[in-house]
C-alpha cells in the first residue's frame, strides 16, 4: 500500500521541485548486463562503447536536441549530482566488429550499421563520435520488433524528414548546419511485429482504460494493466527468459505509459504515407500482442517504392525465439534468413551497382 501511495505522489513532488531521486534510473544504471549481452561485451573481435546523451531540461518530451554527450562506465560515480547535468539522459551501447574480423564476410568486408534503437538522438551521437574519430559515415539499417518496430516507423513532428527522407538535400535545407553534418544515412528498415496497433487479447478493457484517463493527471505512474504479459509466446521459456533479464520491467503497464502508447499509435496511423525509406515488415498471424491485421492495413499506405510485407503463418509475437528442438527452431531460422537476405541484397546493390537509397 505504501508503494502505491508513493507511486501516486512522487511524480507531482518532482514536478514541484520538492523531491529529486538520488538515482534517476532507480537502480537500473548499475545493473550488470544480461548474460547474452555480456557475450558481446567480452568478444575479442568486438569493440563495445558505452555512452549517454543529455537533453535540455525544459525541452519537449519528443525533442532530439542534445545538450551534451560523453563516454561512461556503469559505476556509482556517474550518478552523482554533478554528473547528472540536466537529469534527462539516455544511456546506450554500441558494438562494432574490428576491421580484421570483417574480412571475408558476405558483404565483402563492407561496413554497414544495423541499429536497434528507440531514440533518434542516439543515431546522431553515433555519427558525431564516428566523425570525431575520423571514420567515414556508413549506411545505417534500422531494425526493431514490437515497440521498437513502432519506433523506427514513427514519423514524429521533429524527425519525420530525417527518418523518411534521410540524406536528401530537400530535407536538409531547413536544418542548422551543425545538425546536417550529423544526420545518419538511413538506408532502410527491417521491422518485426510492429506495434502499429494492440491485438485484442492484450488491450486493456474499456473500464481499465477509462480509469487510466481519470487518474493520469495525478497518478500516471500507477500500474494498472497486464497488457502483453503472457501473450507473447506459447513457449513458457520465453516468459522465463524475460523474467531472468535484470533490465526488463516486470510490473503491470502504468497508466501514463499505456495512454502515451495509445496516443502514439493513433498519431502513427495518420502518417503512414510519410514513410518513404526502403522497408520490409514481417509479422506473425497468431500474434496476440500486436495486430498483424493493423500492420497489413498500415503497410498498404506506406509511400516507399521499395517496400515488402510477409505474414508468417502460425507465428506468435516473439518471432526469433530459440526452438525447443530442431524442427521448432526452423521458425526462427526462417526469419533470420529473411532478415539477412534482405539486408545483404541492399548492401550488395549499394556496393556493386551504385544503389542509392535516397532515390527510393
Protein backbone atom coordinates (compact mmCIF):
# COMPACT_ATOMS: atom_id res chain seq x y z
CA UNK A 1 0.00 0.00 0.00
CA UNK A 2 2.88 2.34 0.84
CA UNK A 3 4.37 1.75 -2.62
CA UNK A 4 1.04 2.57 -4.30
CA UNK A 5 0.75 5.86 -2.39
CA UNK A 6 4.33 6.76 -3.30
CA UNK A 7 3.68 5.98 -6.98
CA UNK A 8 0.80 8.45 -6.87
CA UNK A 9 2.63 11.32 -5.20
CA UNK A 10 6.24 11.03 -6.35
CA UNK A 11 5.81 12.46 -9.90
CA UNK A 12 3.97 15.50 -8.57
CA UNK A 13 6.60 16.13 -5.92
CA UNK A 14 9.30 16.01 -8.57
CA UNK A 15 7.44 18.45 -10.85
CA UNK A 16 7.04 20.90 -7.96
CA UNK A 17 10.73 20.61 -7.06
CA UNK A 18 10.13 19.13 -3.60
CA UNK A 19 11.81 15.80 -4.36
CA UNK A 20 14.62 14.58 -6.57
CA UNK A 21 15.70 10.91 -6.56
CA UNK A 22 19.39 10.34 -5.87
CA UNK A 23 19.40 7.87 -8.73
CA UNK A 24 17.04 8.89 -11.57
CA UNK A 25 17.34 5.37 -13.03
CA UNK A 26 16.02 3.82 -9.78
CA UNK A 27 18.86 1.31 -9.68
CA UNK A 28 18.81 0.32 -13.34
CA UNK A 29 22.05 2.08 -14.30
CA UNK A 30 24.15 -0.18 -12.08
CA UNK A 31 22.50 -3.48 -13.02
CA UNK A 32 25.04 -5.76 -14.75
CA UNK A 33 24.17 -6.64 -18.34
CA UNK A 34 22.34 -9.85 -19.08
CA UNK A 35 24.49 -12.91 -19.96
CA UNK A 36 23.89 -12.79 -23.77
CA UNK A 37 24.84 -9.11 -23.77
CA UNK A 38 27.98 -9.87 -21.79
CA UNK A 39 28.98 -12.31 -24.52
CA UNK A 40 29.07 -9.38 -26.96
CA UNK A 41 30.91 -7.17 -24.47
CA UNK A 42 33.59 -9.82 -23.95
CA UNK A 43 34.03 -10.85 -27.59
CA UNK A 44 37.66 -10.05 -28.60
CA UNK A 45 36.51 -9.23 -32.16
CA UNK A 46 34.07 -6.56 -30.98
CA UNK A 47 34.64 -3.07 -29.61
CA UNK A 48 32.00 -2.09 -27.03
CA UNK A 49 31.30 1.59 -26.38
CA UNK A 50 29.11 2.93 -23.59
CA UNK A 51 27.77 6.47 -23.85
CA UNK A 52 24.99 8.72 -22.67
CA UNK A 53 23.37 11.79 -24.16
CA UNK A 54 21.77 14.63 -22.19
CA UNK A 55 18.68 16.57 -23.26
CA UNK A 56 17.85 20.16 -22.20
CA UNK A 57 15.81 20.20 -19.02
CA UNK A 58 12.83 22.13 -20.40
CA UNK A 59 12.85 20.73 -23.95
CA UNK A 60 9.67 18.97 -25.17
CA UNK A 61 9.46 15.26 -24.44
CA UNK A 62 9.95 14.38 -28.12
CA UNK A 63 12.87 16.77 -28.63
CA UNK A 64 16.04 15.37 -30.23
CA UNK A 65 18.19 18.33 -29.21
CA UNK A 66 21.32 17.12 -27.38
CA UNK A 67 22.94 19.33 -24.76
CA UNK A 68 25.92 17.08 -24.03
CA UNK A 69 27.20 13.55 -24.68
CA UNK A 70 30.01 11.52 -23.17
CA UNK A 71 31.60 8.10 -22.76
CA UNK A 72 30.65 6.49 -19.47
CA UNK A 73 31.13 3.42 -17.33
CA UNK A 74 28.45 1.75 -15.21
CA UNK A 75 29.78 2.95 -11.87
CA UNK A 76 28.09 4.83 -8.96
CA UNK A 77 30.24 7.92 -9.50
CA UNK A 78 28.44 8.62 -12.77
CA UNK A 79 25.19 9.05 -10.83
CA UNK A 80 26.43 11.85 -8.59
CA UNK A 81 24.53 15.13 -8.82
CA UNK A 82 27.33 16.93 -10.62
CA UNK A 83 27.46 14.18 -13.27
CA UNK A 84 23.69 14.12 -13.91
CA UNK A 85 23.70 17.58 -15.52
CA UNK A 86 20.06 18.19 -16.59
CA UNK A 87 18.82 14.89 -15.15
CA UNK A 88 17.35 13.94 -18.56
CA UNK A 89 19.63 11.48 -20.29
CA UNK A 90 19.73 8.25 -22.25
CA UNK A 91 22.39 5.57 -21.91
CA UNK A 92 23.26 3.47 -24.95
CA UNK A 93 25.81 0.92 -26.12
CA UNK A 94 27.32 0.17 -29.50
CA UNK A 95 29.06 -3.00 -30.63
CA UNK A 96 31.40 -2.68 -33.61
CA UNK A 97 33.32 -5.52 -35.24
CA UNK A 98 37.01 -4.84 -35.66
CA UNK A 99 38.05 -4.33 -39.32
CA UNK A 100 40.09 -7.52 -39.38
CA UNK A 101 37.05 -9.50 -38.21
CA UNK A 102 35.03 -8.25 -41.19
CA UNK A 103 37.40 -9.65 -43.80
CA UNK A 104 35.82 -12.38 -45.89
CA UNK A 105 32.30 -11.70 -44.71
CA UNK A 106 29.37 -11.96 -47.11
CA UNK A 107 29.09 -8.20 -47.54
CA UNK A 108 32.62 -8.19 -48.91
CA UNK A 109 34.05 -6.62 -45.80
CA UNK A 110 31.91 -3.52 -46.33
CA UNK A 111 30.92 -1.89 -43.07
CA UNK A 112 27.23 -1.19 -42.56
CA UNK A 113 25.45 -0.46 -39.32
CA UNK A 114 22.37 -2.25 -38.01
CA UNK A 115 20.74 -0.08 -35.39
CA UNK A 116 18.18 -1.34 -32.88
CA UNK A 117 17.38 1.86 -31.03
CA UNK A 118 14.46 3.85 -29.59
CA UNK A 119 15.86 7.41 -29.76
CA UNK A 120 16.88 9.26 -32.93
CA UNK A 121 19.31 11.43 -30.98
CA UNK A 122 21.39 8.31 -30.33
CA UNK A 123 21.86 7.86 -34.07
CA UNK A 124 23.09 11.42 -34.33
CA UNK A 125 25.54 10.88 -31.49
CA UNK A 126 26.96 7.73 -33.08
CA UNK A 127 27.62 9.73 -36.25
CA UNK A 128 29.12 12.56 -34.21
CA UNK A 129 31.55 10.19 -32.47
CA UNK A 130 32.50 8.43 -35.71
CA UNK A 131 33.33 11.70 -37.45
CA UNK A 132 35.30 12.88 -34.43
CA UNK A 133 37.45 9.76 -34.73
CA UNK A 134 38.00 10.19 -38.45
CA UNK A 135 35.62 7.44 -39.57
CA UNK A 136 33.52 7.78 -42.68
CA UNK A 137 29.76 7.62 -42.34
CA UNK A 138 28.20 4.32 -43.38
CA UNK A 139 24.69 3.47 -44.43
CA UNK A 140 22.52 2.67 -41.42
CA UNK A 141 19.85 -0.02 -41.45
CA UNK A 142 17.25 0.22 -38.71
CA UNK A 143 15.62 -2.77 -37.11
CA UNK A 144 13.14 -3.21 -34.33
CA UNK A 145 10.49 -5.56 -33.01
CA UNK A 146 7.22 -4.75 -31.26
CA UNK A 147 7.63 -1.31 -29.67
CA UNK A 148 11.00 -0.99 -31.37
CA UNK A 149 9.27 -1.71 -34.68
CA UNK A 150 6.79 1.05 -33.95
CA UNK A 151 9.58 3.46 -33.03
CA UNK A 152 11.55 3.16 -36.27
CA UNK A 153 8.42 3.61 -38.39
CA UNK A 154 7.19 6.52 -36.27
CA UNK A 155 7.45 9.88 -38.12
CA UNK A 156 7.22 12.29 -35.21
CA UNK A 157 6.85 16.01 -35.79
CA UNK A 158 10.54 16.56 -35.08
CA UNK A 159 12.23 13.80 -37.08
CA UNK A 160 9.89 12.86 -39.91
CA UNK A 161 12.09 14.35 -42.62
CA UNK A 162 15.17 12.70 -41.16
CA UNK A 163 13.67 9.23 -40.86
CA UNK A 164 11.59 9.27 -44.03
CA UNK A 165 13.97 11.05 -46.40
CA UNK A 166 17.31 10.80 -44.62
CA UNK A 167 20.14 12.27 -46.63
CA UNK A 168 18.19 14.25 -49.21
CA UNK A 169 19.11 17.84 -49.93
CA UNK A 170 15.46 18.85 -49.70
CA UNK A 171 15.08 17.63 -46.10
CA UNK A 172 18.38 19.17 -45.03
CA UNK A 173 17.71 22.73 -46.21
CA UNK A 174 15.73 23.71 -43.13
CA UNK A 175 18.27 22.31 -40.62
CA UNK A 176 21.11 24.17 -38.92
CA UNK A 177 24.49 23.44 -40.50
CA UNK A 178 25.84 21.53 -37.48
CA UNK A 179 22.79 19.25 -37.46
CA UNK A 180 23.15 18.49 -41.17
CA UNK A 181 26.67 17.21 -40.53
CA UNK A 182 25.46 14.62 -38.03
CA UNK A 183 22.48 13.26 -39.96
CA UNK A 184 22.58 9.44 -40.24
CA UNK A 185 22.46 7.95 -43.73
CA UNK A 186 19.46 5.71 -43.18
CA UNK A 187 19.35 3.14 -45.97
CA UNK A 188 16.36 1.04 -44.91
CA UNK A 189 14.46 -0.71 -42.13
CA UNK A 190 13.65 -4.32 -41.31
CA UNK A 191 10.65 -4.33 -38.98
CA UNK A 192 9.28 -7.26 -36.98
CA UNK A 193 5.78 -7.47 -35.45
CA UNK A 194 5.50 -3.67 -35.09
CA UNK A 195 3.21 -2.12 -32.51
CA UNK A 196 1.01 -0.49 -35.13
CA UNK A 197 -1.97 -1.47 -33.01
CA UNK A 198 -2.58 -3.70 -29.99
CA UNK A 199 -4.02 -7.14 -30.56
CA UNK A 200 -7.45 -7.63 -28.92
CA UNK A 201 -6.04 -10.20 -26.47
CA UNK A 202 -3.67 -7.63 -24.98
CA UNK A 203 -5.65 -4.40 -24.97
CA UNK A 204 -7.00 -3.43 -21.51
CA UNK A 205 -10.78 -3.43 -21.25
CA UNK A 206 -12.71 -0.20 -21.55
CA UNK A 207 -13.13 0.16 -17.76
CA UNK A 208 -9.37 0.00 -17.10
CA UNK A 209 -8.70 2.40 -19.96
CA UNK A 210 -11.33 4.79 -18.63
CA UNK A 211 -9.82 4.65 -15.12
CA UNK A 212 -6.39 5.42 -16.59
CA UNK A 213 -7.74 8.55 -18.28
CA UNK A 214 -9.14 9.75 -14.97
CA UNK A 215 -6.05 9.22 -12.83
CA UNK A 216 -3.31 10.01 -15.36
CA UNK A 217 -3.04 13.66 -14.26
CA UNK A 218 -2.24 12.84 -10.64
CA UNK A 219 -1.23 9.16 -10.59
CA UNK A 220 0.11 8.38 -14.03
CA UNK A 221 2.81 6.02 -12.73
CA UNK A 222 0.24 3.70 -11.13
CA UNK A 223 0.48 0.15 -12.61
CA UNK A 224 -2.94 -0.92 -13.94
CA UNK A 225 -2.93 -3.48 -16.76
CA UNK A 226 -1.30 -6.81 -17.62
CA UNK A 227 -1.05 -5.75 -21.29
CA UNK A 228 1.06 -8.25 -23.26
CA UNK A 229 2.14 -10.30 -20.27
CA UNK A 230 1.61 -13.98 -21.11
CA UNK A 231 0.63 -13.20 -24.71
CA UNK A 232 3.99 -13.07 -26.46
CA UNK A 233 4.53 -16.80 -26.99
CA UNK A 234 3.05 -20.21 -26.26
CA UNK A 235 6.54 -21.33 -25.16
CA UNK A 236 6.84 -20.82 -21.36
CA UNK A 237 10.59 -20.46 -21.70
CA UNK A 238 10.09 -17.06 -23.34
CA UNK A 239 8.40 -15.62 -20.26
CA UNK A 240 11.04 -17.21 -18.04
CA UNK A 241 13.81 -15.67 -20.13
CA UNK A 242 12.08 -12.31 -19.78
CA UNK A 243 11.96 -12.70 -16.00
CA UNK A 244 15.66 -13.58 -15.87
CA UNK A 245 16.74 -10.47 -17.73
CA UNK A 246 17.70 -8.00 -14.96
CA UNK A 247 16.94 -4.96 -17.11
CA UNK A 248 13.33 -5.70 -18.00
CA UNK A 249 10.37 -4.06 -16.28
CA UNK A 250 8.25 -6.83 -14.80
CA UNK A 251 5.35 -4.88 -13.34
CA UNK A 252 1.98 -4.03 -14.85
CA UNK A 253 1.58 -1.39 -17.54
CA UNK A 254 1.44 2.06 -15.95
CA UNK A 255 -1.48 4.38 -16.69
CA UNK A 256 0.58 7.16 -18.30
CA UNK A 257 2.65 4.67 -20.32
CA UNK A 258 -0.42 2.97 -21.71
CA UNK A 259 -2.14 6.20 -22.70
CA UNK A 260 1.07 7.58 -24.22
CA UNK A 261 1.37 4.44 -26.33
CA UNK A 262 -2.25 4.78 -27.43
CA UNK A 263 -1.65 8.39 -28.42
CA UNK A 264 1.44 7.36 -30.36
CA UNK A 265 -0.42 4.58 -32.19
CA UNK A 266 -3.15 6.98 -33.25
CA UNK A 267 -0.57 9.52 -34.39
CA UNK A 268 1.38 6.95 -36.39
CA UNK A 269 -1.77 5.67 -38.08
CA UNK A 270 -2.43 9.11 -39.56
CA UNK A 271 1.06 9.47 -41.03
CA UNK A 272 1.89 6.16 -42.72
CA UNK A 273 2.13 7.93 -46.09
CA UNK A 274 5.12 9.93 -44.85
CA UNK A 275 7.32 6.83 -44.70
CA UNK A 276 9.43 6.60 -47.85
CA UNK A 277 12.58 4.68 -46.93
CA UNK A 278 13.15 1.08 -48.16
CA UNK A 279 11.33 -1.17 -45.71
CA UNK A 280 10.41 -4.80 -45.12
CA UNK A 281 7.86 -5.73 -42.46
CA UNK A 282 7.32 -9.25 -41.13
CA UNK A 283 4.56 -10.29 -38.74
CA UNK A 284 3.00 -13.49 -37.42
CA UNK A 285 -0.69 -14.19 -37.98
CA UNK A 286 -1.03 -15.71 -34.46
CA UNK A 287 0.37 -12.63 -32.72
CA UNK A 288 -1.63 -11.96 -29.53
CA UNK A 289 0.34 -8.85 -28.54
CA UNK A 290 0.33 -6.70 -31.69
CA UNK A 291 -2.16 -6.86 -34.54
CA UNK A 292 -0.94 -8.27 -37.85
CA UNK A 293 -4.17 -7.06 -39.47
CA UNK A 294 -3.34 -3.49 -38.46
CA UNK A 295 0.15 -3.98 -39.87
CA UNK A 296 -1.27 -5.10 -43.21
CA UNK A 297 -3.51 -2.04 -43.42
CA UNK A 298 -0.67 0.25 -42.37
CA UNK A 299 1.69 -1.28 -44.95
CA UNK A 300 -0.71 -0.54 -47.80
CA UNK A 301 -0.47 3.18 -47.01
CA UNK A 302 3.34 3.40 -46.82
CA UNK A 303 4.71 5.51 -49.69
CA UNK A 304 8.03 3.69 -50.14
CA UNK A 305 8.75 2.46 -53.65
CA UNK A 306 10.85 -0.31 -52.12
CA UNK A 307 8.51 -1.95 -49.61
CA UNK A 308 7.81 -5.58 -48.75
CA UNK A 309 5.49 -7.39 -46.34
CA UNK A 310 5.42 -11.01 -45.23
CA UNK A 311 2.88 -12.54 -42.85
CA UNK A 312 4.33 -15.69 -41.30
CA UNK A 313 1.68 -18.35 -40.80
CA UNK A 314 1.43 -19.72 -37.27
CA UNK A 315 3.99 -17.33 -35.74
CA UNK A 316 3.32 -15.57 -32.44
CA UNK A 317 4.72 -12.26 -31.23
CA UNK A 318 8.28 -13.39 -30.46
CA UNK A 319 9.44 -14.37 -33.91
CA UNK A 320 13.07 -15.27 -33.16
CA UNK A 321 12.85 -17.47 -30.08
CA UNK A 322 15.23 -20.40 -29.88
CA UNK A 323 13.24 -23.57 -30.65
CA UNK A 324 12.79 -26.46 -28.25
CA UNK A 325 14.13 -28.78 -30.95
CA UNK A 326 15.47 -28.58 -34.49
CA UNK A 327 12.02 -28.56 -36.07
CA UNK A 328 10.76 -25.80 -33.79
CA UNK A 329 13.91 -23.75 -34.37
CA UNK A 330 13.26 -23.65 -38.12
CA UNK A 331 10.79 -20.83 -37.46
CA UNK A 332 13.49 -18.64 -36.01
CA UNK A 333 15.97 -19.59 -38.71
CA UNK A 334 13.46 -18.63 -41.41
CA UNK A 335 13.07 -15.10 -40.00
CA UNK A 336 16.82 -14.69 -39.53
CA UNK A 337 17.43 -15.86 -43.10
CA UNK A 338 14.77 -13.41 -44.32
CA UNK A 339 16.41 -10.56 -42.41
CA UNK A 340 19.89 -11.47 -43.62
CA UNK A 341 18.86 -11.86 -47.27
CA UNK A 342 17.02 -8.53 -47.32
CA UNK A 343 19.99 -6.73 -45.79
CA UNK A 344 22.67 -8.38 -47.94
CA UNK A 345 20.69 -7.69 -51.10
CA UNK A 346 20.75 -3.99 -50.40
CA UNK A 347 24.36 -3.96 -49.26
CA UNK A 348 25.34 -5.82 -52.44
CA UNK A 349 23.35 -3.46 -54.66
CA UNK A 350 24.89 -0.48 -52.92
CA UNK A 351 28.43 -1.88 -53.34
CA UNK A 352 28.25 -3.24 -56.90
CA UNK A 353 25.56 -1.32 -58.72
CA UNK A 354 25.54 2.10 -57.14
CA UNK A 355 22.34 1.59 -55.16
CA UNK A 356 21.09 4.95 -53.96
CA UNK A 357 18.65 4.73 -51.05
CA UNK A 358 17.89 8.45 -51.37
CA UNK A 359 16.26 7.80 -54.74
CA UNK A 360 13.69 5.43 -53.24
